[in-house]
Amino acid sequence: GGDTPRDGHDETSEGGDQEGGTGLISLWQMHNTYIFAQIKGGMVIIDQHAAHERVLYEQALENMKNSSGASQQLLFPITLDLAMPQFNLVKEHNELFNRLGFSLKLFGGQTVVIDAVPSLSRQGSGDTLFQQVLDELTDLQASDFNPEERIAAAFSSRAGITRGVSLSQQEMNALINDLFATEMPYASPGGRPVIVRVPVE
């Protein structure tokens, strides 16, 4: 659409070798939370956490649908001793977790061992990610999501770029390109606004 930052780049691309002619657009990050981009007739402000939630949510749903979730192996497996409600959640949705890219082993005494996490998740989040996803999933129990949507929403909320994370120009460009490739770039899975458009006026 006309509001994508890509259009803002097209409008100014005659200026020559912006960002070395790589097709990147000029972006600005404020308080390691919001990304500003110029578009035709104004600018957009993008919530980086909500944006990455939307991207990961749709990718997670696609992976669970196609059983295609790639994994990143953990150097040291993580052992979690869960309360019974969370252990039952893992048992109930074990196949979906594996489709997403988690590699899980269930043992007696409510113990879960995680050998791998989805490659979609940010590097370095593996040690606590699965517990965080379970905590989020517990909060989503009473929601209107179906099982796949609940797991995708819980995962995307905890596995992605959060507020306070500094992003390079390349990372910001990649995030925005991924965002505008989603089916619904303007709202997070939970309905929070991702993008605010501010006209020049």
Protein backbone atom coordinates (compact mmCIF):
# COMPACT_ATOMS: atom_id res chain seq x y z
CA GLY A 1 0.00 0.00 0.00
CA GLY A 2 0.87 3.67 -0.20
CA ASP A 3 1.72 3.81 3.50
CA THR A 4 4.63 1.37 3.45
CA PRO A 5 8.05 2.80 4.25
CA ARG A 6 9.23 1.16 1.02
CA ASP A 7 7.21 3.81 -0.84
CA GLY A 8 9.03 6.50 1.08
CA HIS A 9 12.30 5.08 -0.26
CA ASP A 10 11.00 4.96 -3.81
CA GLU A 11 10.00 8.58 -3.54
CA THR A 12 13.55 9.62 -2.69
CA SER A 13 15.56 6.96 -4.51
CA GLU A 14 16.57 9.33 -7.29
CA GLY A 15 18.97 10.86 -4.81
CA GLY A 16 21.45 8.09 -5.57
CA ASP A 17 23.21 5.62 -3.37
CA GLN A 18 21.18 5.79 -0.16
CA GLU A 19 22.54 3.08 2.18
CA GLY A 20 24.97 2.07 -0.55
CA GLY A 21 22.24 1.27 -3.07
CA THR A 22 21.20 -1.85 -1.14
CA GLY A 23 17.49 -1.00 -1.18
CA LEU A 24 17.51 -0.13 2.53
CA ILE A 25 15.47 2.79 3.82
CA SER A 26 16.61 5.33 6.37
CA LEU A 27 15.14 4.55 9.77
CA TRP A 28 15.47 5.99 13.24
CA GLN A 29 14.98 4.14 16.53
CA MET A 30 13.72 6.05 19.57
CA HIS A 31 14.32 4.79 23.12
CA ASN A 32 15.11 1.35 21.65
CA THR A 33 11.33 0.92 21.37
CA TYR A 34 9.88 2.74 18.35
CA ILE A 35 11.05 2.88 14.74
CA PHE A 36 10.38 5.99 12.66
CA ALA A 37 10.25 5.84 8.85
CA GLN A 38 9.41 8.40 6.18
CA ILE A 39 6.55 7.64 3.81
CA LYS A 40 4.77 9.62 1.11
CA GLY A 41 3.05 12.53 2.81
CA GLY A 42 4.34 11.91 6.31
CA MET A 43 5.90 9.30 8.53
CA VAL A 44 5.06 6.11 10.38
CA ILE A 45 5.92 5.10 13.93
CA ILE A 46 6.31 1.36 14.43
CA ASP A 47 6.27 -0.44 17.79
CA GLN A 48 9.19 -2.86 17.37
CA HIS A 49 7.87 -5.42 19.88
CA ALA A 50 4.36 -5.48 18.44
CA ALA A 51 5.80 -5.62 14.91
CA HIS A 52 7.97 -8.65 15.66
CA GLU A 53 5.05 -10.28 17.48
CA ARG A 54 2.98 -10.05 14.29
CA VAL A 55 5.83 -11.43 12.17
CA LEU A 56 6.58 -14.35 14.51
CA TYR A 57 2.89 -15.12 15.05
CA GLU A 58 2.23 -15.66 11.35
CA GLN A 59 5.50 -17.57 10.85
CA ALA A 60 4.73 -19.81 13.84
CA LEU A 61 1.24 -20.59 12.53
CA GLU A 62 2.70 -21.43 9.13
CA ASN A 63 5.32 -23.71 10.68
CA MET A 64 2.75 -25.57 12.78
CA LYS A 65 0.49 -25.93 9.77
CA ASN A 66 3.25 -27.37 7.59
CA SER A 67 5.29 -29.13 10.30
CA SER A 68 8.23 -27.15 8.99
CA GLY A 69 9.61 -25.42 12.08
CA ALA A 70 13.41 -25.37 12.00
CA SER A 71 15.21 -25.80 15.31
CA GLN A 72 18.40 -24.50 16.85
CA GLN A 73 20.07 -27.09 19.06
CA LEU A 74 20.87 -26.01 22.60
CA LEU A 75 24.43 -26.50 23.77
CA PHE A 76 23.13 -27.72 27.12
CA PRO A 77 19.62 -29.25 27.37
CA ILE A 78 17.27 -27.46 29.77
CA THR A 79 15.41 -29.43 32.43
CA LEU A 80 12.18 -27.96 33.80
CA ASP A 81 10.22 -29.37 36.73
CA LEU A 82 6.74 -28.05 36.07
CA ALA A 83 3.60 -27.69 38.11
CA MET A 84 0.94 -30.15 37.02
CA PRO A 85 -1.22 -27.62 35.09
CA GLN A 86 1.74 -26.57 32.93
CA PHE A 87 2.95 -30.15 32.51
CA ASN A 88 -0.54 -31.07 31.30
CA LEU A 89 -0.39 -28.17 28.83
CA VAL A 90 2.86 -29.55 27.44
CA LYS A 91 1.40 -33.05 27.13
CA GLU A 92 -1.75 -31.70 25.47
CA HIS A 93 0.12 -29.62 22.89
CA ASN A 94 3.36 -31.60 22.57
CA GLU A 95 2.90 -32.22 18.84
CA LEU A 96 2.31 -28.53 18.14
CA PHE A 97 5.38 -27.53 20.16
CA ASN A 98 7.46 -29.95 18.12
CA ARG A 99 6.03 -28.65 14.85
CA LEU A 100 6.97 -25.16 15.95
CA GLY A 101 10.59 -26.24 16.48
CA PHE A 102 10.89 -27.16 20.15
CA SER A 103 12.49 -30.56 20.81
CA LEU A 104 10.89 -31.88 24.01
CA LYS A 105 11.19 -35.01 26.10
CA LEU A 106 8.59 -35.68 28.80
CA PHE A 107 9.49 -37.65 31.91
CA GLY A 108 7.65 -38.71 35.03
CA GLY A 109 7.35 -36.31 37.92
CA GLN A 110 6.30 -33.45 35.62
CA THR A 111 9.80 -33.06 34.16
CA VAL A 112 10.39 -31.70 30.65
CA VAL A 113 13.79 -31.64 28.93
CA ILE A 114 14.25 -29.16 26.05
CA ASP A 115 16.99 -30.02 23.54
CA ALA A 116 16.21 -27.39 20.90
CA VAL A 117 14.16 -24.23 20.41
CA PRO A 118 12.61 -22.77 17.24
CA SER A 119 15.05 -21.01 14.94
CA LEU A 120 12.50 -18.19 14.77
CA SER A 121 13.44 -17.13 18.30
CA ARG A 122 16.14 -14.57 18.94
CA GLN A 123 19.61 -15.88 19.74
CA GLY A 124 20.28 -16.28 23.43
CA SER A 125 16.65 -16.73 24.50
CA GLY A 126 16.75 -20.52 24.78
CA ASP A 127 17.50 -20.86 28.47
CA THR A 128 14.21 -19.36 29.64
CA LEU A 129 12.10 -19.24 26.48
CA PHE A 130 10.01 -22.37 26.93
CA GLN A 131 9.09 -21.51 30.53
CA GLN A 132 8.13 -18.00 29.40
CA VAL A 133 5.98 -19.40 26.60
CA LEU A 134 4.22 -21.70 29.09
CA ASP A 135 3.60 -18.78 31.45
CA GLU A 136 2.12 -16.77 28.58
CA LEU A 137 0.09 -19.75 27.38
CA THR A 138 -1.42 -20.15 30.85
CA ASP A 139 -2.61 -16.52 30.69
CA LEU A 140 -4.22 -17.19 27.28
CA GLN A 141 -6.27 -20.17 28.50
CA ALA A 142 -9.56 -18.27 28.60
CA SER A 143 -9.06 -16.53 25.27
CA ASP A 144 -10.79 -17.11 21.97
CA PHE A 145 -7.67 -18.51 20.27
CA ASN A 146 -7.66 -22.06 18.92
CA PRO A 147 -4.71 -24.21 20.14
CA GLU A 148 -2.41 -23.29 17.25
CA GLU A 149 -3.20 -19.59 17.62
CA ARG A 150 -2.69 -19.69 21.39
CA ILE A 151 0.73 -21.31 21.07
CA ALA A 152 1.72 -18.95 18.25
CA ALA A 153 0.57 -15.94 20.31
CA ALA A 154 2.40 -17.11 23.44
CA PHE A 155 5.56 -17.83 21.46
CA SER A 156 5.53 -14.56 19.51
CA SER A 157 5.02 -12.55 22.69
CA ARG A 158 8.15 -13.97 24.35
CA ALA A 159 10.49 -15.04 21.53
CA GLY A 160 10.92 -11.83 19.60
CA ILE A 161 12.38 -8.35 19.77
CA THR A 162 11.24 -6.57 22.91
CA ARG A 163 11.27 -2.98 24.02
CA GLY A 164 14.73 -1.83 25.03
CA VAL A 165 16.57 -3.80 22.33
CA SER A 166 18.90 -1.72 20.18
CA LEU A 167 18.59 -2.53 16.47
CA SER A 168 20.95 -1.84 13.60
CA GLN A 169 19.76 -0.28 10.35
CA GLN A 170 19.82 -3.73 8.74
CA GLU A 171 17.79 -5.25 11.58
CA MET A 172 15.22 -2.46 11.41
CA ASN A 173 14.92 -2.82 7.64
CA ALA A 174 14.56 -6.59 7.89
CA LEU A 175 11.86 -6.24 10.55
CA ILE A 176 9.87 -3.75 8.51
CA ASN A 177 10.19 -5.80 5.32
CA ASP A 178 8.99 -8.87 7.24
CA LEU A 179 6.16 -6.88 8.83
CA PHE A 180 4.76 -5.65 5.51
CA ALA A 181 4.94 -9.21 4.15
CA THR A 182 2.45 -10.36 6.80
CA GLU A 183 -1.29 -10.60 6.23
CA MET A 184 -2.12 -8.11 8.98
CA PRO A 185 0.77 -5.69 9.61
CA TYR A 186 -1.26 -3.07 11.47
CA ALA A 187 -2.11 -5.03 14.65
CA SER A 188 -0.32 -7.44 16.97
CA PRO A 189 -1.89 -10.87 17.63
CA GLY A 190 -3.46 -9.41 20.77
CA GLY A 191 -4.87 -6.43 18.88
CA ARG A 192 -2.36 -3.74 19.86
CA PRO A 193 -1.56 -1.17 17.16
CA VAL A 194 1.74 -1.85 15.39
CA ILE A 195 1.89 1.21 13.15
CA VAL A 196 0.77 4.81 13.64
CA ARG A 197 0.74 7.05 10.56
CA VAL A 198 1.47 10.74 11.06
CA PRO A 199 0.77 13.00 8.05
CA VAL A 200 3.03 15.97 7.36
CA GLU A 201 0.14 18.27 8.26
